[in-house]
PDB file of N, CA and C in Angstrom:
ATOM      1  N   MET A   1      27.889 -17.493 -14.466  1.00  0.00           N
ATOM      2  CA  MET A   1      27.360 -16.522 -14.322  1.00  0.00           C
ATOM      3  C   MET A   1      28.523 -15.831 -15.327  1.00  0.00           C
ATOM      4  N   LYS A   2      27.813 -14.976 -16.366  1.00  0.00           N
ATOM      5  CA  LYS A   2      29.032 -14.567 -17.117  1.00  0.00           C
ATOM      6  C   LYS A   2      29.512 -13.685 -17.059  1.00  0.00           C
ATOM      7  N   ASP A   3      31.046 -13.434 -17.212  1.00  0.00           N
ATOM      8  CA  ASP A   3      31.711 -12.170 -16.796  1.00  0.00           C
ATOM      9  C   ASP A   3      31.722 -11.288 -16.514  1.00  0.00           C
ATOM     10  N   THR A   4      30.920 -10.708 -17.511  1.00  0.00           N
ATOM     11  CA  THR A   4      30.713  -9.230 -17.910  1.00  0.00           C
ATOM     12  C   THR A   4      29.532  -9.109 -16.463  1.00  0.00           C
ATOM     13  N   SER A   5      28.243 -10.234 -16.050  1.00  0.00           N
ATOM     14  CA  SER A   5      27.073  -9.907 -15.183  1.00  0.00           C
ATOM     15  C   SER A   5      27.822  -9.340 -13.932  1.00  0.00           C
ATOM     16  N   LYS A   6      29.429 -10.520 -13.522  1.00  0.00           N
ATOM     17  CA  LYS A   6      29.702 -10.601 -12.581  1.00  0.00           C
ATOM     18  C   LYS A   6      30.664  -9.359 -12.535  1.00  0.00           C
ATOM     19  N   LEU A   7      31.199  -8.636 -13.043  1.00  0.00           N
ATOM     20  CA  LEU A   7      31.690  -7.194 -12.949  1.00  0.00           C
ATOM     21  C   LEU A   7      30.315  -6.147 -12.677  1.00  0.00           C
ATOM     22  N   THR A   8      29.410  -6.060 -13.506  1.00  0.00           N
ATOM     23  CA  THR A   8      28.647  -5.463 -13.689  1.00  0.00           C
ATOM     24  C   THR A   8      28.506  -5.376 -12.507  1.00  0.00           C
ATOM     25  N   LEU A   9      27.967  -6.356 -11.198  1.00  0.00           N
ATOM     26  CA  LEU A   9      27.331  -6.644 -10.211  1.00  0.00           C
ATOM     27  C   LEU A   9      28.231  -6.114  -8.455  1.00  0.00           C
ATOM     28  N   ARG A  10      30.118  -6.583  -9.387  1.00  0.00           N
ATOM     29  CA  ARG A  10      30.851  -5.683  -8.546  1.00  0.00           C
ATOM     30  C   ARG A  10      31.130  -4.791  -8.961  1.00  0.00           C
ATOM     31  N   HIS A  11      31.116  -3.686  -9.372  1.00  0.00           N
ATOM     32  CA  HIS A  11      30.737  -2.692  -9.652  1.00  0.00           C
ATOM     33  C   HIS A  11      29.686  -1.938  -9.026  1.00  0.00           C
ATOM     34  N   ILE A  12      28.310  -2.414  -9.157  1.00  0.00           N
ATOM     35  CA  ILE A  12      27.555  -1.941  -8.410  1.00  0.00           C
ATOM     36  C   ILE A  12      27.287  -2.246  -6.991  1.00  0.00           C
ATOM     37  N   ALA A  13      28.153  -3.457  -5.999  1.00  0.00           N
ATOM     38  CA  ALA A  13      28.887  -3.612  -5.131  1.00  0.00           C
ATOM     39  C   ALA A  13      29.659  -2.073  -4.916  1.00  0.00           C
ATOM     40  N   GLY A  14      30.979  -2.272  -5.325  1.00  0.00           N
ATOM     41  CA  GLY A  14      31.467  -1.330  -4.494  1.00  0.00           C
ATOM     42  C   GLY A  14      30.714   0.390  -4.605  1.00  0.00           C
ATOM     43  N   LEU A  15      30.097   0.546  -5.675  1.00  0.00           N
ATOM     44  CA  LEU A  15      29.572   2.448  -5.272  1.00  0.00           C
ATOM     45  C   LEU A  15      28.108   2.224  -4.443  1.00  0.00           C
ATOM     46  N   TYR A  16      27.859   0.944  -3.983  1.00  0.00           N
ATOM     47  CA  TYR A  16      27.006   0.797  -2.705  1.00  0.00           C
ATOM     48  C   TYR A  16      28.306   0.970  -1.451  1.00  0.00           C
ATOM     49  N   LEU A  17      29.039   0.433  -1.977  1.00  0.00           N
ATOM     50  CA  LEU A  17      29.561  -0.104  -0.807  1.00  0.00           C
ATOM     51  C   LEU A  17      30.096   1.849   0.230  1.00  0.00           C
ATOM     52  N   ASP A  18      30.574   2.169  -1.800  1.00  0.00           N
ATOM     53  CA  ASP A  18      30.825   4.077  -1.285  1.00  0.00           C
ATOM     54  C   ASP A  18      30.137   5.208  -0.825  1.00  0.00           C
ATOM     55  N   ILE A  19      27.933   4.777  -1.504  1.00  0.00           N
ATOM     56  CA  ILE A  19      27.705   5.159  -0.866  1.00  0.00           C
ATOM     57  C   ILE A  19      26.618   4.805   0.693  1.00  0.00           C
ATOM     58  N   TYR A  20      27.140   4.097   0.559  1.00  0.00           N
ATOM     59  CA  TYR A  20      27.368   3.654   2.413  1.00  0.00           C
ATOM     60  C   TYR A  20      27.835   4.072   3.320  1.00  0.00           C
ATOM     61  N   SER A  21      29.583   4.210   2.838  1.00  0.00           N
ATOM     62  CA  SER A  21      30.110   4.568   3.580  1.00  0.00           C
ATOM     63  C   SER A  21      30.479   6.893   4.051  1.00  0.00           C
ATOM     64  N   ALA A  22      29.840   6.953   3.035  1.00  0.00           N
ATOM     65  CA  ALA A  22      29.746   8.620   2.716  1.00  0.00           C
ATOM     66  C   ALA A  22      29.405   8.771   3.645  1.00  0.00           C
ATOM     67  N   PRO A  23      27.765   8.632   4.107  1.00  0.00           N
ATOM     68  CA  PRO A  23      27.193   9.323   5.499  1.00  0.00           C
ATOM     69  C   PRO A  23      27.180   9.500   6.499  1.00  0.00           C
ATOM     70  N   ARG A  24      28.500   8.284   6.709  1.00  0.00           N
ATOM     71  CA  ARG A  24      28.512   7.300   8.005  1.00  0.00           C
ATOM     72  C   ARG A  24      29.683   7.541   8.715  1.00  0.00           C
ATOM     73  N   ASP A  25      30.581   8.643   7.891  1.00  0.00           N
ATOM     74  CA  ASP A  25      32.410   9.220   7.619  1.00  0.00           C
ATOM     75  C   ASP A  25      33.091   8.068   8.146  1.00  0.00           C
ATOM     76  N   LEU A  26      33.060   7.026   7.330  1.00  0.00           N
ATOM     77  CA  LEU A  26      34.163   5.464   7.083  1.00  0.00           C
ATOM     78  C   LEU A  26      34.945   5.245   5.693  1.00  0.00           C
ATOM     79  N   ASP A  27      36.062   5.329   5.948  1.00  0.00           N
ATOM     80  CA  ASP A  27      37.058   5.521   5.324  1.00  0.00           C
ATOM     81  C   ASP A  27      37.416   3.789   4.540  1.00  0.00           C
ATOM     82  N   ARG A  28      36.843   4.331   3.116  1.00  0.00           N
ATOM     83  CA  ARG A  28      37.347   2.604   1.971  1.00  0.00           C
ATOM     84  C   ARG A  28      38.833   2.358   2.246  1.00  0.00           C
ATOM     85  N   PRO A  29      39.094   0.886   2.015  1.00  0.00           N
ATOM     86  CA  PRO A  29      38.162  -0.174   2.495  1.00  0.00           C
ATOM     87  C   PRO A  29      37.719  -0.420   3.934  1.00  0.00           C
ATOM     88  N   LEU A  30      36.684  -1.108   4.202  1.00  0.00           N
ATOM     89  CA  LEU A  30      36.174  -0.632   5.105  1.00  0.00           C
ATOM     90  C   LEU A  30      35.985  -2.352   5.671  1.00  0.00           C
ATOM     91  N   THR A  31      36.633  -2.506   7.271  1.00  0.00           N
ATOM     92  CA  THR A  31      36.856  -3.822   7.399  1.00  0.00           C
ATOM     93  C   THR A  31      35.589  -4.120   7.484  1.00  0.00           C
ATOM     94  N   PRO A  32      36.363  -6.006   7.769  1.00  0.00           N
ATOM     95  CA  PRO A  32      35.306  -7.137   7.324  1.00  0.00           C
ATOM     96  C   PRO A  32      33.955  -6.804   8.287  1.00  0.00           C
ATOM     97  N   GLU A  33      33.649  -6.071   9.302  1.00  0.00           N
ATOM     98  CA  GLU A  33      32.106  -5.678  10.510  1.00  0.00           C
ATOM     99  C   GLU A  33      31.514  -5.500   9.859  1.00  0.00           C
ATOM    100  N   GLN A  34      32.495  -4.053   9.170  1.00  0.00           N
ATOM    101  CA  GLN A  34      31.730  -3.159   8.819  1.00  0.00           C
ATOM    102  C   GLN A  34      31.025  -3.652   7.519  1.00  0.00           C
ATOM    103  N   VAL A  35      31.376  -4.207   6.208  1.00  0.00           N
ATOM    104  CA  VAL A  35      31.029  -4.680   5.446  1.00  0.00           C
ATOM    105  C   VAL A  35      30.114  -5.658   5.347  1.00  0.00           C
ATOM    106  N   LYS A  36      30.256  -6.433   6.681  1.00  0.00           N
ATOM    107  CA  LYS A  36      28.670  -7.635   7.194  1.00  0.00           C
ATOM    108  C   LYS A  36      27.572  -6.414   7.594  1.00  0.00           C
ATOM    109  N   ASP A  37      28.122  -4.892   8.172  1.00  0.00           N
ATOM    110  CA  ASP A  37      27.184  -4.641   8.746  1.00  0.00           C
ATOM    111  C   ASP A  37      26.081  -3.545   7.261  1.00  0.00           C
ATOM    112  N   ALA A  38      27.244  -3.664   6.602  1.00  0.00           N
ATOM    113  CA  ALA A  38      26.359  -2.400   5.020  1.00  0.00           C
ATOM    114  C   ALA A  38      26.102  -3.650   4.725  1.00  0.00           C
ATOM    115  N   GLY A  39      26.471  -4.850   4.102  1.00  0.00           N
ATOM    116  CA  GLY A  39      25.536  -6.655   3.609  1.00  0.00           C
ATOM    117  C   GLY A  39      23.660  -6.148   4.430  1.00  0.00           C
ATOM    118  N   VAL A  40      24.349  -6.280   5.445  1.00  0.00           N
ATOM    119  CA  VAL A  40      22.730  -6.835   6.631  1.00  0.00           C
ATOM    120  C   VAL A  40      21.725  -5.637   5.930  1.00  0.00           C
ATOM    121  N   PHE A  41      22.481  -4.341   6.262  1.00  0.00           N
ATOM    122  CA  PHE A  41      21.547  -2.939   5.518  1.00  0.00           C
ATOM    123  C   PHE A  41      21.088  -3.108   3.809  1.00  0.00           C
ATOM    124  N   PHE A  42      21.766  -3.746   3.370  1.00  0.00           N
ATOM    125  CA  PHE A  42      21.632  -4.104   2.149  1.00  0.00           C
ATOM    126  C   PHE A  42      20.590  -4.779   1.496  1.00  0.00           C
ATOM    127  N   LEU A  43      20.681  -5.699   2.777  1.00  0.00           N
ATOM    128  CA  LEU A  43      19.521  -7.061   2.817  1.00  0.00           C
ATOM    129  C   LEU A  43      18.257  -6.022   2.960  1.00  0.00           C
ATOM    130  N   ASP A  44      18.269  -5.626   3.968  1.00  0.00           N
ATOM    131  CA  ASP A  44      17.087  -5.303   4.798  1.00  0.00           C
ATOM    132  C   ASP A  44      16.611  -4.396   4.025  1.00  0.00           C
ATOM    133  N   LEU A  45      17.049  -3.502   2.976  1.00  0.00           N
ATOM    134  CA  LEU A  45      16.362  -2.456   1.655  1.00  0.00           C
ATOM    135  C   LEU A  45      15.848  -3.285   0.662  1.00  0.00           C
ATOM    136  N   LEU A  46      16.884  -4.191   0.182  1.00  0.00           N
ATOM    137  CA  LEU A  46      16.023  -5.574  -0.221  1.00  0.00           C
ATOM    138  C   LEU A  46      14.853  -5.940  -0.126  1.00  0.00           C
ATOM    139  N   ALA A  47      14.580  -6.288   1.013  1.00  0.00           N
ATOM    140  CA  ALA A  47      13.555  -7.075   1.469  1.00  0.00           C
ATOM    141  C   ALA A  47      12.359  -5.947   1.348  1.00  0.00           C
ATOM    142  N   ALA A  48      12.302  -5.207   1.652  1.00  0.00           N
ATOM    143  CA  ALA A  48      11.496  -3.854   1.840  1.00  0.00           C
ATOM    144  C   ALA A  48      11.229  -3.479   0.695  1.00  0.00           C
ATOM    145  N   HIS A  49      12.413  -3.585  -0.679  1.00  0.00           N
ATOM    146  CA  HIS A  49      11.559  -3.020  -1.684  1.00  0.00           C
ATOM    147  C   HIS A  49      10.685  -4.404  -2.699  1.00  0.00           C
ATOM    148  N   GLU A  50      10.778  -5.830  -1.950  1.00  0.00           N
ATOM    149  CA  GLU A  50      10.235  -6.339  -2.361  1.00  0.00           C
ATOM    150  C   GLU A  50       8.849  -6.500  -1.118  1.00  0.00           C
ATOM    151  N   ALA A  51       9.379  -6.267  -0.495  1.00  0.00           N
ATOM    152  CA  ALA A  51       7.376  -6.302  -0.023  1.00  0.00           C
ATOM    153  C   ALA A  51       7.000  -5.128  -0.402  1.00  0.00           C
ATOM    154  N   GLU A  52       7.790  -4.351  -0.705  1.00  0.00           N
ATOM    155  CA  GLU A  52       6.777  -3.278  -1.309  1.00  0.00           C
ATOM    156  C   GLU A  52       6.304  -3.320  -2.560  1.00  0.00           C
ATOM    157  N   TYR A  53       6.700  -3.482  -3.608  1.00  0.00           N
ATOM    158  CA  TYR A  53       6.738  -4.731  -4.607  1.00  0.00           C
ATOM    159  C   TYR A  53       5.826  -5.295  -4.638  1.00  0.00           C
ATOM    160  N   LEU A  54       5.610  -6.489  -3.489  1.00  0.00           N
ATOM    161  CA  LEU A  54       4.556  -7.533  -3.022  1.00  0.00           C
ATOM    162  C   LEU A  54       2.764  -6.920  -3.354  1.00  0.00           C
ATOM    163  N   ILE A  55       3.349  -5.693  -2.616  1.00  0.00           N
ATOM    164  CA  ILE A  55       2.238  -5.197  -2.205  1.00  0.00           C
ATOM    165  C   ILE A  55       1.492  -4.201  -3.203  1.00  0.00           C
ATOM    166  N   GLU A  56       2.640  -3.344  -3.861  1.00  0.00           N
ATOM    167  CA  GLU A  56       1.162  -3.184  -4.933  1.00  0.00           C
ATOM    168  C   GLU A  56       0.979  -4.422  -5.762  1.00  0.00           C
ATOM    169  N   GLN A  57       1.443  -4.901  -5.915  1.00  0.00           N
ATOM    170  CA  GLN A  57       1.619  -6.354  -6.744  1.00  0.00           C
ATOM    171  C   GLN A  57      -0.499  -6.246  -6.823  1.00  0.00           C
ATOM    172  N   GLU A  58       0.070  -6.799  -5.167  1.00  0.00           N
ATOM    173  CA  GLU A  58      -1.736  -7.248  -4.541  1.00  0.00           C
ATOM    174  C   GLU A  58      -2.833  -5.863  -4.745  1.00  0.00           C
ATOM    175  N   ARG A  59      -2.288  -4.890  -4.464  1.00  0.00           N
ATOM    176  CA  ARG A  59      -2.818  -3.896  -4.384  1.00  0.00           C
ATOM    177  C   ARG A  59      -4.090  -3.746  -6.006  1.00  0.00           C
ATOM    178  N   GLU A  60      -3.342  -3.888  -7.155  1.00  0.00           N
ATOM    179  CA  GLU A  60      -3.324  -4.138  -8.863  1.00  0.00           C
ATOM    180  C   GLU A  60      -4.203  -4.883  -9.095  1.00  0.00           C
ATOM    181  N   ALA A  61      -4.379  -6.591  -8.318  1.00  0.00           N
ATOM    182  CA  ALA A  61      -4.496  -7.367  -8.312  1.00  0.00           C
ATOM    183  C   ALA A  61      -5.955  -7.335  -7.881  1.00  0.00           C
ATOM    184  N   GLN A  62      -6.169  -6.531  -6.550  1.00  0.00           N
ATOM    185  CA  GLN A  62      -7.345  -6.302  -6.655  1.00  0.00           C
ATOM    186  C   GLN A  62      -7.648  -5.542  -7.155  1.00  0.00           C
ATOM    187  N   ALA A  63      -7.586  -4.255  -7.515  1.00  0.00           N
ATOM    188  CA  ALA A  63      -8.251  -3.429  -8.267  1.00  0.00           C
ATOM    189  C   ALA A  63      -8.823  -4.286  -9.563  1.00  0.00           C
ATOM    190  N   LYS A  64      -8.340  -5.045  -9.949  1.00  0.00           N
ATOM    191  CA  LYS A  64      -8.585  -5.330 -11.256  1.00  0.00           C
ATOM    192  C   LYS A  64      -9.772  -6.394 -11.115  1.00  0.00           C
ATOM    193  N   LEU A  65      -9.992  -7.470  -9.543  1.00  0.00           N
ATOM    194  CA  LEU A  65     -10.629  -8.470  -9.372  1.00  0.00           C
ATOM    195  C   LEU A  65     -12.538  -7.850  -9.154  1.00  0.00           C
ATOM    196  N   VAL A  66     -11.882  -6.642  -8.503  1.00  0.00           N
ATOM    197  CA  VAL A  66     -13.493  -5.477  -8.150  1.00  0.00           C
ATOM    198  C   VAL A  66     -12.988  -3.805  -8.189  1.00  0.00           C
ATOM    199  N   PRO A  67     -14.027  -3.586  -9.270  1.00  0.00           N
ATOM    200  CA  PRO A  67     -13.653  -2.163  -9.175  1.00  0.00           C
ATOM    201  C   PRO A  67     -14.261  -1.732  -8.444  1.00  0.00           C
ATOM    202  N   GLU A  68     -13.719  -0.217  -8.184  1.00  0.00           N
ATOM    203  CA  GLU A  68     -14.105   0.134  -6.707  1.00  0.00           C
ATOM    204  C   GLU A  68     -15.600   1.436  -7.329  1.00  0.00           C
ATOM    205  N   PRO A  69     -16.219   1.030  -6.573  1.00  0.00           N
ATOM    206  CA  PRO A  69     -17.640   1.634  -6.749  1.00  0.00           C
ATOM    207  C   PRO A  69     -17.607   3.738  -6.563  1.00  0.00           C
ATOM    208  N   ASP A  70     -18.144   3.993  -7.357  1.00  0.00           N
ATOM    209  CA  ASP A  70     -18.154   5.736  -7.243  1.00  0.00           C
ATOM    210  C   ASP A  70     -19.101   6.049  -6.403  1.00  0.00           C
ATOM    211  N   PHE A  71     -19.774   7.386  -5.687  1.00  0.00           N
ATOM    212  CA  PHE A  71     -20.155   7.416  -5.058  1.00  0.00           C
ATOM    213  C   PHE A  71     -21.533   7.608  -5.393  1.00  0.00           C
ATOM    214  N   ARG A  72     -22.233   7.070  -5.937  1.00  0.00           N
ATOM    215  CA  ARG A  72     -23.227   7.188  -6.852  1.00  0.00           C
ATOM    216  C   ARG A  72     -23.741   6.077  -6.227  1.00  0.00           C
ATOM    217  N   ASP A  73     -23.152   4.603  -7.054  1.00  0.00           N
ATOM    218  CA  ASP A  73     -22.420   3.325  -6.440  1.00  0.00           C
ATOM    219  C   ASP A  73     -23.010   3.297  -5.299  1.00  0.00           C
ATOM    220  N   LEU A  74     -22.252   4.048  -4.676  1.00  0.00           N
ATOM    221  CA  LEU A  74     -22.623   3.728  -2.662  1.00  0.00           C
ATOM    222  C   LEU A  74     -23.680   3.944  -2.201  1.00  0.00           C
ATOM    223  N   ALA A  75     -24.204   5.495  -2.534  1.00  0.00           N
ATOM    224  CA  ALA A  75     -25.537   5.787  -2.570  1.00  0.00           C
ATOM    225  C   ALA A  75     -27.081   4.561  -2.220  1.00  0.00           C
ATOM    226  N   ASP A  76     -26.680   4.123  -3.879  1.00  0.00           N
ATOM    227  CA  ASP A  76     -27.736   3.623  -4.459  1.00  0.00           C
ATOM    228  C   ASP A  76     -27.501   2.051  -3.418  1.00  0.00           C
ATOM    229  N   GLN A  77     -26.325   1.407  -3.140  1.00  0.00           N
ATOM    230  CA  GLN A  77     -26.080   0.669  -1.927  1.00  0.00           C
ATOM    231  C   GLN A  77     -26.555   0.458  -0.469  1.00  0.00           C
ATOM    232  N   PHE A  78     -26.659   1.550  -0.201  1.00  0.00           N
ATOM    233  CA  PHE A  78     -26.839   2.378   1.183  1.00  0.00           C
ATOM    234  C   PHE A  78     -28.508   2.279   1.085  1.00  0.00           C
ATOM    235  N   ILE A  79     -28.824   2.528   0.032  1.00  0.00           N
ATOM    236  CA  ILE A  79     -30.109   2.780   0.387  1.00  0.00           C
ATOM    237  C   ILE A  79     -31.038   1.735   0.262  1.00  0.00           C
ATOM    238  N   ALA A  80     -30.323   0.797  -0.840  1.00  0.00           N
ATOM    239  CA  ALA A  80     -30.887  -0.417  -0.975  1.00  0.00           C
ATOM    240  C   ALA A  80     -30.936  -1.861   0.618  1.00  0.00           C
ATOM    241  N   ARG A  81     -29.741  -1.285   0.936  1.00  0.00           N
ATOM    242  CA  ARG A  81     -29.660  -2.240   1.973  1.00  0.00           C
ATOM    243  C   ARG A  81     -30.651  -1.255   3.227  1.00  0.00           C
ATOM    244  N   PHE A  82     -30.603   0.126   2.959  1.00  0.00           N
ATOM    245  CA  PHE A  82     -31.700   0.392   4.582  1.00  0.00           C
ATOM    246  C   PHE A  82     -33.378  -0.322   4.118  1.00  0.00           C
ATOM    247  N   GLU A  83     -33.417   0.054   2.738  1.00  0.00           N
ATOM    248  CA  GLU A  83     -34.644  -0.544   2.277  1.00  0.00           C
ATOM    249  C   GLU A  83     -34.943  -2.831   2.816  1.00  0.00           C
ATOM    250  N   LYS A  84     -33.881  -3.340   2.474  1.00  0.00           N
ATOM    251  CA  LYS A  84     -34.191  -4.815   2.880  1.00  0.00           C
ATOM    252  C   LYS A  84     -34.255  -4.445   4.287  1.00  0.00           C
ATOM    253  N   GLU A  85     -33.402  -4.333   4.759  1.00  0.00           N
ATOM    254  CA  GLU A  85     -33.291  -3.707   5.996  1.00  0.00           C
ATOM    255  C   GLU A  85     -34.931  -3.015   7.220  1.00  0.00           C
ATOM    256  N   GLU A  86     -35.306  -2.693   6.598  1.00  0.00           N
ATOM    257  CA  GLU A  86     -37.121  -1.854   6.822  1.00  0.00           C
ATOM    258  C   GLU A  86     -37.702  -2.500   6.478  1.00  0.00           C
ATOM    259  N   GLY A  87     -37.696  -3.145   5.148  1.00  0.00           N
ATOM    260  CA  GLY A  87     -38.913  -4.019   4.536  1.00  0.00           C
ATOM    261  C   GLY A  87     -39.694  -3.319   4.106  1.00  0.00           C
ATOM    262  N   ILE A  88     -38.634  -2.324   3.117  1.00  0.00           N
ATOM    263  CA  ILE A  88     -39.824  -1.414   2.171  1.00  0.00           C
ATOM    264  C   ILE A  88     -39.845  -2.066   0.511  1.00  0.00           C
ATOM    265  N   THR A  89     -40.672  -2.239   0.055  1.00  0.00           N
ATOM    266  CA  THR A  89     -40.569  -3.019  -1.324  1.00  0.00           C
ATOM    267  C   THR A  89     -41.006  -1.422  -2.377  1.00  0.00           C
ATOM    268  N   ASP A  90     -41.882  -0.472  -1.523  1.00  0.00           N
ATOM    269  CA  ASP A  90     -42.237   0.393  -3.103  1.00  0.00           C
ATOM    270  C   ASP A  90     -40.950   1.970  -3.207  1.00  0.00           C
ATOM    271  N   GLY A  91     -40.335   1.332  -2.572  1.00  0.00           N
ATOM    272  CA  GLY A  91     -39.634   2.851  -2.320  1.00  0.00           C
ATOM    273  C   GLY A  91     -39.371   3.550  -1.819  1.00  0.00           C
ATOM    274  N   LEU A  92     -38.795   4.890  -1.228  1.00  0.00           N
ATOM    275  CA  LEU A  92     -38.602   5.574  -0.190  1.00  0.00           C
ATOM    276  C   LEU A  92     -39.558   6.353  -0.803  1.00  0.00           C
ATOM    277  N   SER A  93     -40.552   6.912   0.531  1.00  0.00           N
ATOM    278  CA  SER A  93     -41.057   8.479   0.966  1.00  0.00           C
ATOM    279  C   SER A  93     -39.895   9.337   0.715  1.00  0.00           C
ATOM    280  N   GLU A  94     -40.899  10.300   1.072  1.00  0.00           N
ATOM    281  CA  GLU A  94     -39.642  11.667   1.518  1.00  0.00           C
ATOM    282  C   GLU A  94     -38.845  11.296   3.209  1.00  0.00           C
ATOM    283  N   GLU A  95     -39.597  11.309   3.559  1.00  0.00           N
ATOM    284  CA  GLU A  95     -39.460  10.746   5.330  1.00  0.00           C
ATOM    285  C   GLU A  95     -38.481   9.973   5.567  1.00  0.00           C
ATOM    286  N   GLN A  96     -38.733   8.915   4.943  1.00  0.00           N
ATOM    287  CA  GLN A  96     -38.067   8.126   5.095  1.00  0.00           C
ATOM    288  C   GLN A  96     -36.575   8.090   3.790  1.00  0.00           C
ATOM    289  N   MET A  97     -36.309   8.987   3.336  1.00  0.00           N
ATOM    290  CA  MET A  97     -34.838   9.771   2.593  1.00  0.00           C
ATOM    291  C   MET A  97     -35.171  10.401   4.340  1.00  0.00           C
ATOM    292  N   TYR A  98     -35.173  11.110   4.202  1.00  0.00           N
ATOM    293  CA  TYR A  98     -34.551  11.796   5.100  1.00  0.00           C
ATOM    294  C   TYR A  98     -34.227  11.004   6.068  1.00  0.00           C
ATOM    295  N   LYS A  99     -35.029   9.579   6.489  1.00  0.00           N
ATOM    296  CA  LYS A  99     -34.080   9.309   7.962  1.00  0.00           C
ATOM    297  C   LYS A  99     -33.023   8.493   7.180  1.00  0.00           C
ATOM    298  N   VAL A 100     -32.902   7.845   5.477  1.00  0.00           N
ATOM    299  CA  VAL A 100     -32.140   7.517   5.319  1.00  0.00           C
ATOM    300  C   VAL A 100     -30.287   8.618   5.285  1.00  0.00           C
ATOM    301  N   GLY A 101     -30.756   9.823   5.166  1.00  0.00           N
ATOM    302  CA  GLY A 101     -30.066  10.595   5.296  1.00  0.00           C
ATOM    303  C   GLY A 101     -29.189  10.887   6.287  1.00  0.00           C
ATOM    304  N   ASP A 102     -30.095  10.729   7.763  1.00  0.00           N
ATOM    305  CA  ASP A 102     -29.668  11.335   8.620  1.00  0.00           C
ATOM    306  C   ASP A 102     -28.745   9.742   9.199  1.00  0.00           C
ATOM    307  N   LEU A 103     -28.778   9.015   9.171  1.00  0.00           N
ATOM    308  CA  LEU A 103     -28.249   7.249   9.421  1.00  0.00           C
ATOM    309  C   LEU A 103     -27.278   7.515   8.715  1.00  0.00           C
ATOM    310  N   PHE A 104     -26.977   7.687   7.141  1.00  0.00           N
ATOM    311  CA  PHE A 104     -25.921   8.272   6.934  1.00  0.00           C
ATOM    312  C   PHE A 104     -24.974   8.713   7.276  1.00  0.00           C
ATOM    313  N   LEU A 105     -25.375   9.465   7.720  1.00  0.00           N
ATOM    314  CA  LEU A 105     -24.614  11.173   8.172  1.00  0.00           C
ATOM    315  C   LEU A 105     -24.197  10.715   9.681  1.00  0.00           C
ATOM    316  N   HIS A 106     -25.279  10.031  10.150  1.00  0.00           N
ATOM    317  CA  HIS A 106     -24.514   9.535  11.748  1.00  0.00           C
ATOM    318  C   HIS A 106     -23.589   8.078  11.778  1.00  0.00           C
ATOM    319  N   TYR A 107     -23.546   7.476  10.694  1.00  0.00           N
ATOM    320  CA  TYR A 107     -22.264   6.377  10.527  1.00  0.00           C
ATOM    321  C   TYR A 107     -21.143   7.266   9.945  1.00  0.00           C
ATOM    322  N   ALA A 108     -21.232   8.134   8.651  1.00  0.00           N
ATOM    323  CA  ALA A 108     -20.004   9.092   8.800  1.00  0.00           C
ATOM    324  C   ALA A 108     -19.613   9.670   9.900  1.00  0.00           C
ATOM    325  N   ALA A 109     -20.198  10.272  10.577  1.00  0.00           N
ATOM    326  CA  ALA A 109     -19.739  11.266  11.598  1.00  0.00           C
ATOM    327  C   ALA A 109     -19.081  10.044  12.658  1.00  0.00           C
ATOM    328  N   GLU A 110     -19.713   8.851  12.538  1.00  0.00           N
ATOM    329  CA  GLU A 110     -18.529   7.709  13.718  1.00  0.00           C
ATOM    330  C   GLU A 110     -17.010   7.705  13.269  1.00  0.00           C
ATOM    331  N   HIS A 111     -17.438   7.222  11.884  1.00  0.00           N
ATOM    332  CA  HIS A 111     -16.112   7.464  11.408  1.00  0.00           C
ATOM    333  C   HIS A 111     -15.007   8.364  10.955  1.00  0.00           C
ATOM    334  N   THR A 112     -15.577   9.626  11.445  1.00  0.00           N
ATOM    335  CA  THR A 112     -14.613  10.747  11.525  1.00  0.00           C
ATOM    336  C   THR A 112     -14.070  10.667  13.129  1.00  0.00           C
ATOM    337  N   LEU A 113     -14.779   9.949  14.345  1.00  0.00           N
ATOM    338  CA  LEU A 113     -14.303  10.679  15.375  1.00  0.00           C
ATOM    339  C   LEU A 113     -13.426   9.424  15.689  1.00  0.00           C
TER     340      LEU A 113
END
């Protein structure tokens, strides 16, 4: 590691220990046990940050693969599924359209309960 990189990391470590110490009313220099506790806490923060980063990357990758349908697409899919399950091939009558609407509202109500 280059000297400037090492110096920068040492500076960051010192800043971190200052930030870690202040809310805990710890005096600097810290004891070896306090430094160990600060290190464990820092590693937990790093792990949490990486996990959040990986989750965000996965969300972005999924969004690129399958675009989220809009409400009109969802309605079309719901009606198409209803027609398929009911064996309807000629389009929906007014009565069937009301039945589709009632079924949709039933599923929506189940979801919110």
